[in-house]
Amino acid sequence: MRLMISGGGTGGHIYPALALIEALRKREPDSEILYVGTEKGLESRIVPEQNIPFKTIKIQGFKRSLSLENVKTIGLFLKSVGDAHKMIKEFHPDVVVGTGGYVSGAVVFAASLQHIPTVIHEQNSVVGVTNKFLSHFVTKIGISFEDARKDFPAKKVVFTGNPRATQVSRIKPNDALTEYGLQSDVPTLLIFGGSRGAEKINSATVEALPQLKQRNYQVLFVTGSVHYKKIMAQIDPNALGKNCVVRSYIAEMPQLLPDLEAILGRAGATSLAEITALGIPSILVPSPYVTNDHQTKNANSLVKNGAAELLPESKLNGESLLKAADALMTDENLRIKMGTAAKKMGRPHAADDLLNVLESVIKK
């Protein structure tokens, strides 16, 4: 298979693309792959590190208010479609896939104009602007949440799950906690606001640390690199028990996940794919700052299945964090129940399922 794939801006768009590429390379080792992103996006660093051929086009997102900048954006989009058209002519893909972000809009749209089979993948329960636009032109659409189905042409939709789940589901417990000075045989809660951290989660955790020190469970608190120095300056050393460890960032977070009993964190699509793939109970604090409040809708998909607890950021403080953490970490039966429910929602074969969709559109 000759696969051209595009997704950029955030890890939520990039990691599913990488998981799909990994699945393709295992199934067809002689496949040819080209990843198209932007120079400034996260993909420009992550993708080349995976030894994946990478090219860039220049594009930017629309402003939500009327502005002259949007005129420039339209011009850049038209130029990027032209640039993508040339790349497609040179690469001759069998199929073109978009996993989200503005860059995928130009690449997939250009491919559809050339009548090349196209597939998009939507990771969230709320459909993004780019994928909503592309849905009118593509051959097939993969979704990760059933809630997204209603916003797409019904005949094109296939429920695949998030390909990221396939990668994570293969990871086994490996005593990774000992690397952080924690014990491998004590129930551990990860508090994590994403790679950049979350200010409200951080402040609530700092407030709760004196009480967490007295608990029989462990806490691994990851602040995010941006906030680490500020947080450490706020923490009274006497409030930090041996059962609580603070880190700025963990590069290999997926390797750590199987050793955790529970997670308190955001409700991004990638995080939820990982949580459900491994069957990890969670306390979800959706970010209120994302488009269409999609993290809350993501979280509710787990909550209504008994796989997670919802703690809105508006109600988050040291007291509510401690109450939620205690309820979960001191009740093994509840953790087992929630973990089982999460596991049932997991899609360990998601990457292969999406790959099957690609093969089906090529054969038509």
Foldseek 3Di string as FASTA:
>chain_A
DEEEEEFWADPQLVLLVVLLVVVCCVVPVPYAYEYEYACPTPCVPPVVVVVHHYDYADADDDDPDDDPVVVVRVVSLVVLLVVLLVVCVVRVGQEYEYAYDPSSLSNQVSCLVVVHAYEYEDLFLDGDPSVLVCLVRHQAYEYADPSNCVSHDNVRYDHQHRSLLQVLLPAAQDQPVVVQLADLPFAEEEEAADQQADVLSLQQCLVQQLVVQPDRHAYEYAGHQVCVVVSVVSHDPVSHHSRYGYHPGDPPVSNCVNSHQEYEYEQRSSVLLNCLSNLHEYEHAHDPPDPPSRRVVSVVSLVVLLQYHYDYSVNGHNVVVVVVCCVRSVDPVSSVRNSVSSPVSHRNCSSVSVVVVSVVSSVD
